Amino acid sequence: MEQKSVAILLAVYNPPLDWFAELLDSLDAQTYENLHIRIRDDASVSPSPAKLEAVLEEHLLRVPYTLLRNDRNIGSNATFAALVKDATEDLVAFCDQDDIWFPDKIERSVKLLEQSPLNPVLVCSEVSVIDADGHEIAPSISAHRKRHVFLRGPGLAPTLLHRNFALGCTMLLSRERALSYLPFPDGIIHDHYLAYRAACDGAIDYLPEPTMRYRVYGGNQTGVMVGVRTKRDYYETRILVFDRRLAEFSRYADFPELIEARRWGDARRDNFARRKGSFRRLRSLRHVNRATTLFELYALRMPSPLFRLAIRLIQKRIL
């Protein structure tokens, strides 16, 4: 039986060249044969196009690749969407510019997609976690992030309203399915959106053993309380972002949890504004998302200096 073709979709923007070279070496070492690496540079300032091409030629010696460049910086969501359109392969795997893949990452992911009894729409995997210097700081993302819990099976859309467990850099799905999910909406990171759309269409499965080394550093798009320093930051990046995500996700499915999620979102805004009765109303909906509700009931009523201290401790994983 002929292997299905796989496109590795690599969005690039100002990549640190030492990390980028490590990633390329790991892509070139993949055991899966029917591969094509599709790279789209999002108008990087550095390295220059010539330098980027030279790095690719030096490190991608076995796996064929195609390099395209955006005329202007359009962001990761739009760049990944363009990469989906660029691809002609059967399956697509999303790739970040600063990780290190294990040689059998694609092979194991394709096997799961094709052979899982769940007949999944999308598969993902666990990862080990490294720091900026490449030293392992956790054997898994689940150990690194206390609330990161992988799930498998059908019917996962209600859970994905609140939190995404599927890392984009581990996702594999059919190109046809990925095309049907375009465009990727603004304000929702593409991996969360893809996981939700896949969950609305069927099952998700995952590999419990790491398939790559996931690099954690100050420039990551996602993480614990990224971008939060003040209560206003929290409101804009957590409460309002949830409202926008809920509005987008409501377009693709209808289930009872959406009704409660909307009520919970309304109560969160009222609680932030300290409207009369808002504490009691949000507390009555704590079953929707217990940890977040309890945090907001009390932390958002702290004096601002104490709130900032609490956020710093959470970001350092002390709390």
Protein backbone atom coordinates (compact mmCIF):
# COMPACT_ATOMS: atom_id res chain seq x y z
CA MET A 1 0.00 0.00 0.00
CA GLU A 2 1.44 3.36 -1.04
CA GLN A 3 2.22 5.84 1.72
CA LYS A 4 0.04 8.90 1.85
CA SER A 5 1.95 12.07 1.10
CA VAL A 6 2.52 14.48 3.99
CA ALA A 7 3.23 18.20 3.86
CA ILE A 8 5.08 19.66 6.85
CA LEU A 9 3.80 23.24 7.07
CA LEU A 10 6.47 25.49 8.56
CA ALA A 11 5.66 29.14 9.27
CA VAL A 12 8.81 31.22 9.78
CA TYR A 13 9.32 34.69 11.21
CA ASN A 14 12.71 36.02 12.33
CA PRO A 15 13.90 32.54 13.33
CA PRO A 16 16.90 32.27 15.68
CA LEU A 17 19.26 30.44 13.34
CA ASP A 18 20.75 28.02 15.86
CA TRP A 19 17.31 26.79 16.91
CA PHE A 20 16.11 26.82 13.32
CA ALA A 21 19.04 24.67 12.21
CA GLU A 22 18.23 22.13 14.94
CA LEU A 23 14.63 21.97 13.77
CA LEU A 24 15.63 21.51 10.12
CA ASP A 25 18.05 18.72 11.01
CA SER A 26 15.23 16.94 12.86
CA LEU A 27 12.84 17.35 9.91
CA ASP A 28 15.45 16.02 7.52
CA ALA A 29 15.88 12.96 9.75
CA GLN A 30 12.22 11.89 9.60
CA THR A 31 11.77 8.17 8.99
CA TYR A 32 8.59 8.72 6.98
CA GLU A 33 9.49 8.75 3.30
CA ASN A 34 6.69 10.54 1.43
CA LEU A 35 7.34 14.02 2.77
CA HIS A 36 7.52 17.58 1.47
CA ILE A 37 8.41 20.54 3.68
CA ARG A 38 6.51 23.69 2.77
CA ILE A 39 8.03 26.81 4.30
CA ARG A 40 6.51 30.28 4.24
CA ASP A 41 8.54 33.21 5.54
CA ASP A 42 6.27 35.87 7.05
CA ALA A 43 8.39 38.79 5.78
CA SER A 44 11.21 38.27 8.27
CA VAL A 45 13.55 41.19 8.94
CA SER A 46 16.37 38.83 9.87
CA PRO A 47 17.79 36.62 8.52
CA SER A 48 17.83 37.94 4.98
CA PRO A 49 16.09 35.85 2.29
CA ALA A 50 19.51 34.79 0.96
CA LYS A 51 20.69 33.70 4.42
CA LEU A 52 17.47 31.80 5.07
CA GLU A 53 17.82 29.98 1.76
CA ALA A 54 21.43 29.12 2.59
CA VAL A 55 20.43 27.63 5.95
CA LEU A 56 17.74 25.53 4.28
CA GLU A 57 20.18 24.26 1.66
CA GLU A 58 22.71 23.37 4.35
CA HIS A 59 20.33 21.46 6.62
CA LEU A 60 17.62 19.98 4.37
CA LEU A 61 19.68 17.46 2.43
CA ARG A 62 17.21 14.62 2.02
CA VAL A 63 13.62 15.86 2.30
CA PRO A 64 12.43 18.14 -0.54
CA TYR A 65 11.19 21.58 0.37
CA THR A 66 9.53 24.66 -1.10
CA LEU A 67 10.18 28.16 0.24
CA LEU A 68 7.73 31.03 -0.29
CA ARG A 69 7.74 34.51 1.23
CA ASN A 70 4.88 36.79 2.23
CA ASP A 71 5.01 40.29 0.76
CA ARG A 72 4.27 41.69 4.22
CA ASN A 73 3.99 40.41 7.76
CA ILE A 74 0.52 38.85 8.16
CA GLY A 75 0.91 36.81 11.35
CA SER A 76 1.06 33.11 12.09
CA ASN A 77 -2.63 32.32 11.56
CA ALA A 78 -2.75 33.77 8.05
CA THR A 79 0.65 32.28 7.21
CA PHE A 80 -0.44 28.80 8.25
CA ALA A 81 -3.67 29.26 6.28
CA ALA A 82 -1.62 30.15 3.20
CA LEU A 83 0.50 27.04 3.76
CA VAL A 84 -2.61 24.86 3.81
CA LYS A 85 -3.56 26.36 0.45
CA ASP A 86 -0.01 25.86 -0.87
CA ALA A 87 -0.02 22.14 -0.06
CA THR A 88 -0.98 19.47 -2.56
CA GLU A 89 -0.24 16.47 -0.30
CA ASP A 90 -2.79 14.12 1.28
CA LEU A 91 -2.04 15.08 4.89
CA VAL A 92 -0.73 18.21 6.60
CA ALA A 93 1.38 18.52 9.75
CA PHE A 94 1.91 21.91 11.38
CA CYS A 95 5.40 22.91 12.48
CA ASP A 96 6.87 25.74 14.58
CA GLN A 97 10.33 27.16 13.92
CA ASP A 98 12.02 26.49 17.25
CA ASP A 99 11.29 22.88 18.28
CA ILE A 100 13.10 19.59 17.71
CA TRP A 101 11.19 16.64 16.25
CA PHE A 102 11.92 13.02 17.02
CA PRO A 103 12.76 11.04 13.86
CA ASP A 104 9.58 8.93 13.95
CA LYS A 105 7.19 11.81 14.69
CA ILE A 106 5.43 11.78 11.32
CA GLU A 107 5.54 8.00 11.00
CA ARG A 108 3.86 7.46 14.35
CA SER A 109 1.30 10.22 13.77
CA VAL A 110 0.27 8.87 10.37
CA LYS A 111 -0.07 5.38 11.82
CA LEU A 112 -2.36 6.68 14.57
CA LEU A 113 -4.48 8.67 12.11
CA GLU A 114 -4.91 5.65 9.85
CA GLN A 115 -5.17 2.85 12.41
CA SER A 116 -6.82 4.30 15.51
CA PRO A 117 -10.14 2.56 16.23
CA LEU A 118 -11.57 6.01 16.88
CA ASN A 119 -11.21 6.90 13.18
CA PRO A 120 -10.01 10.36 14.25
CA VAL A 121 -10.35 13.55 12.27
CA LEU A 122 -7.18 14.92 13.87
CA VAL A 123 -4.32 13.46 15.89
CA CYS A 124 -1.79 15.13 18.16
CA SER A 125 0.75 14.04 20.76
CA GLU A 126 2.53 14.62 24.01
CA VAL A 127 5.85 16.49 23.94
CA SER A 128 8.87 16.80 26.18
CA VAL A 129 9.69 20.36 27.25
CA ILE A 130 13.07 22.05 26.85
CA ASP A 131 14.35 25.50 27.72
CA ALA A 132 16.07 28.03 25.50
CA ASP A 133 19.37 26.15 25.88
CA GLY A 134 17.86 22.82 24.91
CA HIS A 135 17.87 21.34 28.41
CA GLU A 136 14.84 19.27 29.37
CA ILE A 137 12.75 20.94 32.05
CA ALA A 138 9.83 18.50 32.00
CA PRO A 139 9.30 15.05 30.49
CA SER A 140 5.87 16.09 29.22
CA ILE A 141 3.70 19.16 28.70
CA SER A 142 1.28 17.62 31.20
CA ALA A 143 4.02 17.76 33.86
CA HIS A 144 4.99 21.30 32.85
CA ARG A 145 1.46 22.73 32.83
CA LYS A 146 -0.62 21.47 35.72
CA ARG A 147 -3.94 21.93 33.93
CA HIS A 148 -2.88 20.42 30.59
CA VAL A 149 -4.83 17.17 30.22
CA PHE A 150 -4.95 15.24 26.96
CA LEU A 151 -8.29 13.78 25.87
CA ARG A 152 -9.34 11.37 23.17
CA GLY A 153 -12.57 10.32 21.55
CA PRO A 154 -15.65 11.95 20.04
CA GLY A 155 -17.72 14.66 21.71
CA LEU A 156 -14.81 16.81 22.91
CA ALA A 157 -16.10 20.14 21.58
CA PRO A 158 -17.66 21.27 24.91
CA THR A 159 -14.33 20.81 26.70
CA LEU A 160 -12.51 22.71 23.96
CA LEU A 161 -14.67 25.76 24.51
CA HIS A 162 -12.49 26.57 27.51
CA ARG A 163 -9.08 25.06 26.98
CA ASN A 164 -7.10 23.48 24.16
CA PHE A 165 -4.98 20.40 24.79
CA ALA A 166 -3.85 19.77 21.21
CA LEU A 167 -0.55 21.51 20.45
CA GLY A 168 -0.49 22.78 16.88
CA CYS A 169 3.08 21.61 16.34
CA THR A 170 1.93 18.01 16.91
CA MET A 171 -1.24 18.09 14.78
CA LEU A 172 -1.81 15.92 11.73
CA LEU A 173 -4.98 15.82 9.63
CA SER A 174 -6.04 15.56 6.02
CA ARG A 175 -5.37 18.54 3.80
CA GLU A 176 -8.95 18.33 2.51
CA ARG A 177 -10.26 18.70 6.05
CA ALA A 178 -7.84 21.54 6.85
CA LEU A 179 -8.92 23.37 3.69
CA SER A 180 -12.55 23.09 4.75
CA TYR A 181 -11.68 24.88 8.01
CA LEU A 182 -10.24 27.97 6.30
CA PRO A 183 -10.00 30.84 6.96
CA PHE A 184 -8.45 30.71 10.40
CA PRO A 185 -10.27 33.42 12.38
CA ASP A 186 -8.45 36.40 13.83
CA GLY A 187 -7.94 36.37 17.58
CA ILE A 188 -8.02 32.57 17.98
CA ILE A 189 -4.74 30.68 17.73
CA HIS A 190 -5.00 28.26 14.83
CA ASP A 191 -4.37 25.12 16.87
CA HIS A 192 -7.28 25.78 19.23
CA TYR A 193 -9.55 26.53 16.30
CA LEU A 194 -8.47 23.39 14.42
CA ALA A 195 -8.96 21.18 17.46
CA TYR A 196 -12.45 22.55 18.02
CA ARG A 197 -13.50 22.19 14.40
CA ALA A 198 -12.16 18.63 14.34
CA ALA A 199 -14.02 17.82 17.56
CA CYS A 200 -17.25 19.10 16.02
CA ASP A 201 -16.71 16.77 13.05
CA GLY A 202 -15.62 13.61 14.87
CA ALA A 203 -12.99 12.19 17.19
CA ILE A 204 -9.52 13.32 18.23
CA ASP A 205 -6.80 10.89 19.26
CA TYR A 206 -3.31 11.44 20.64
CA LEU A 207 -0.02 9.69 21.24
CA PRO A 208 0.76 9.63 24.98
CA GLU A 209 4.51 9.41 24.39
CA PRO A 210 6.36 12.57 23.28
CA THR A 211 7.06 12.95 19.57
CA MET A 212 9.17 16.08 19.85
CA ARG A 213 11.01 18.50 22.13
CA TYR A 214 8.90 21.60 22.68
CA ARG A 215 10.95 24.70 23.41
CA VAL A 216 9.60 27.05 26.08
CA TYR A 217 11.01 30.59 26.28
CA GLY A 218 9.90 34.20 26.51
CA GLY A 219 8.80 34.44 22.87
CA ASN A 220 6.19 31.68 22.87
CA GLN A 221 2.72 32.72 21.77
CA THR A 222 1.04 30.62 24.43
CA GLY A 223 1.73 29.88 28.07
CA VAL A 224 0.59 30.59 31.60
CA MET A 225 -0.85 34.12 31.79
CA VAL A 226 1.15 35.33 28.79
CA GLY A 227 0.66 39.07 28.26
CA VAL A 228 -0.96 39.66 31.66
CA ARG A 229 0.38 42.22 34.13
CA THR A 230 -2.67 44.19 35.21
CA LYS A 231 -6.37 43.48 35.76
CA ARG A 232 -7.13 45.28 32.50
CA ASP A 233 -4.67 42.99 30.70
CA TYR A 234 -6.44 39.99 32.19
CA TYR A 235 -9.83 41.30 31.11
CA GLU A 236 -8.72 41.88 27.52
CA THR A 237 -6.65 38.71 27.04
CA ARG A 238 -8.78 36.25 29.01
CA ILE A 239 -12.37 37.44 29.39
CA LEU A 240 -12.90 39.30 26.10
CA VAL A 241 -10.88 36.75 24.13
CA PHE A 242 -13.11 33.98 25.50
CA ASP A 243 -16.20 35.93 24.36
CA ARG A 244 -14.82 36.26 20.83
CA ARG A 245 -13.83 32.60 20.75
CA LEU A 246 -17.27 31.55 21.95
CA ALA A 247 -18.96 33.67 19.28
CA GLU A 248 -16.80 32.04 16.59
CA PHE A 249 -17.19 28.50 17.92
CA SER A 250 -20.97 28.89 18.18
CA ARG A 251 -21.10 29.02 14.38
CA TYR A 252 -20.12 25.37 13.99
CA ALA A 253 -22.12 23.44 16.57
CA ASP A 254 -25.06 23.67 18.95
CA PHE A 255 -24.95 21.86 22.28
CA PRO A 256 -26.22 22.64 25.81
CA GLU A 257 -22.81 23.62 27.15
CA LEU A 258 -22.78 26.62 24.81
CA ILE A 259 -25.75 28.14 26.64
CA GLU A 260 -24.05 27.87 30.01
CA ALA A 261 -20.77 29.12 28.55
CA ARG A 262 -22.54 32.28 27.35
CA ARG A 263 -24.09 32.81 30.79
CA TRP A 264 -20.70 32.27 32.37
CA GLY A 265 -19.10 34.77 29.99
CA ASP A 266 -21.74 37.38 30.87
CA ALA A 267 -21.17 36.77 34.59
CA ARG A 268 -17.40 37.14 34.16
CA ARG A 269 -17.79 40.58 32.57
CA ASP A 270 -20.20 41.66 35.30
CA ASN A 271 -17.83 40.39 37.97
CA PHE A 272 -14.94 42.35 36.48
CA ALA A 273 -17.10 45.49 36.49
CA ARG A 274 -18.15 44.72 40.11
CA ARG A 275 -21.84 44.96 39.25
CA LYS A 276 -24.32 44.28 42.01
CA GLY A 277 -24.93 40.58 42.53
CA SER A 278 -22.15 39.58 40.14
CA PHE A 279 -20.12 37.67 42.74
CA ARG A 280 -23.04 35.42 43.61
CA ARG A 281 -24.03 34.94 39.99
CA LEU A 282 -20.52 33.97 38.84
CA ARG A 283 -20.09 31.69 41.85
CA SER A 284 -23.30 29.86 40.94
CA LEU A 285 -21.75 29.05 37.54
CA ARG A 286 -18.41 27.82 38.89
CA HIS A 287 -19.15 24.30 37.58
CA VAL A 288 -18.63 25.63 34.04
CA ASN A 289 -14.93 26.25 34.73
CA ARG A 290 -14.10 25.91 38.40
CA ALA A 291 -10.45 26.98 38.48
CA THR A 292 -10.94 30.10 36.37
CA THR A 293 -14.10 31.09 38.24
CA LEU A 294 -12.49 30.84 41.66
CA PHE A 295 -9.45 32.80 40.47
CA GLU A 296 -11.60 35.63 39.09
CA LEU A 297 -13.94 35.78 42.09
CA TYR A 298 -11.07 36.54 44.42
CA ALA A 299 -8.05 37.70 42.43
CA LEU A 300 -9.96 40.39 40.54
CA ARG A 301 -11.02 41.86 43.91
CA MET A 302 -7.45 42.03 45.20
CA PRO A 303 -5.65 45.37 45.42
CA SER A 304 -3.78 45.89 42.17
CA PRO A 305 -0.25 45.43 43.62
CA LEU A 306 -1.29 42.11 45.15
CA PHE A 307 -2.91 41.04 41.88
CA ARG A 308 0.29 41.79 39.97
CA LEU A 309 2.29 39.76 42.49
CA ALA A 310 -0.11 36.82 42.13
CA ILE A 311 0.23 36.92 38.33
CA ARG A 312 4.03 36.90 38.55
CA LEU A 313 3.94 33.90 40.87
CA ILE A 314 1.59 32.07 38.52
CA GLN A 315 3.81 32.86 35.53
CA LYS A 316 6.79 31.46 37.43
CA ARG A 317 4.65 28.43 38.38
CA ILE A 318 5.07 29.10 42.07
CA LEU A 319 1.27 29.32 42.53
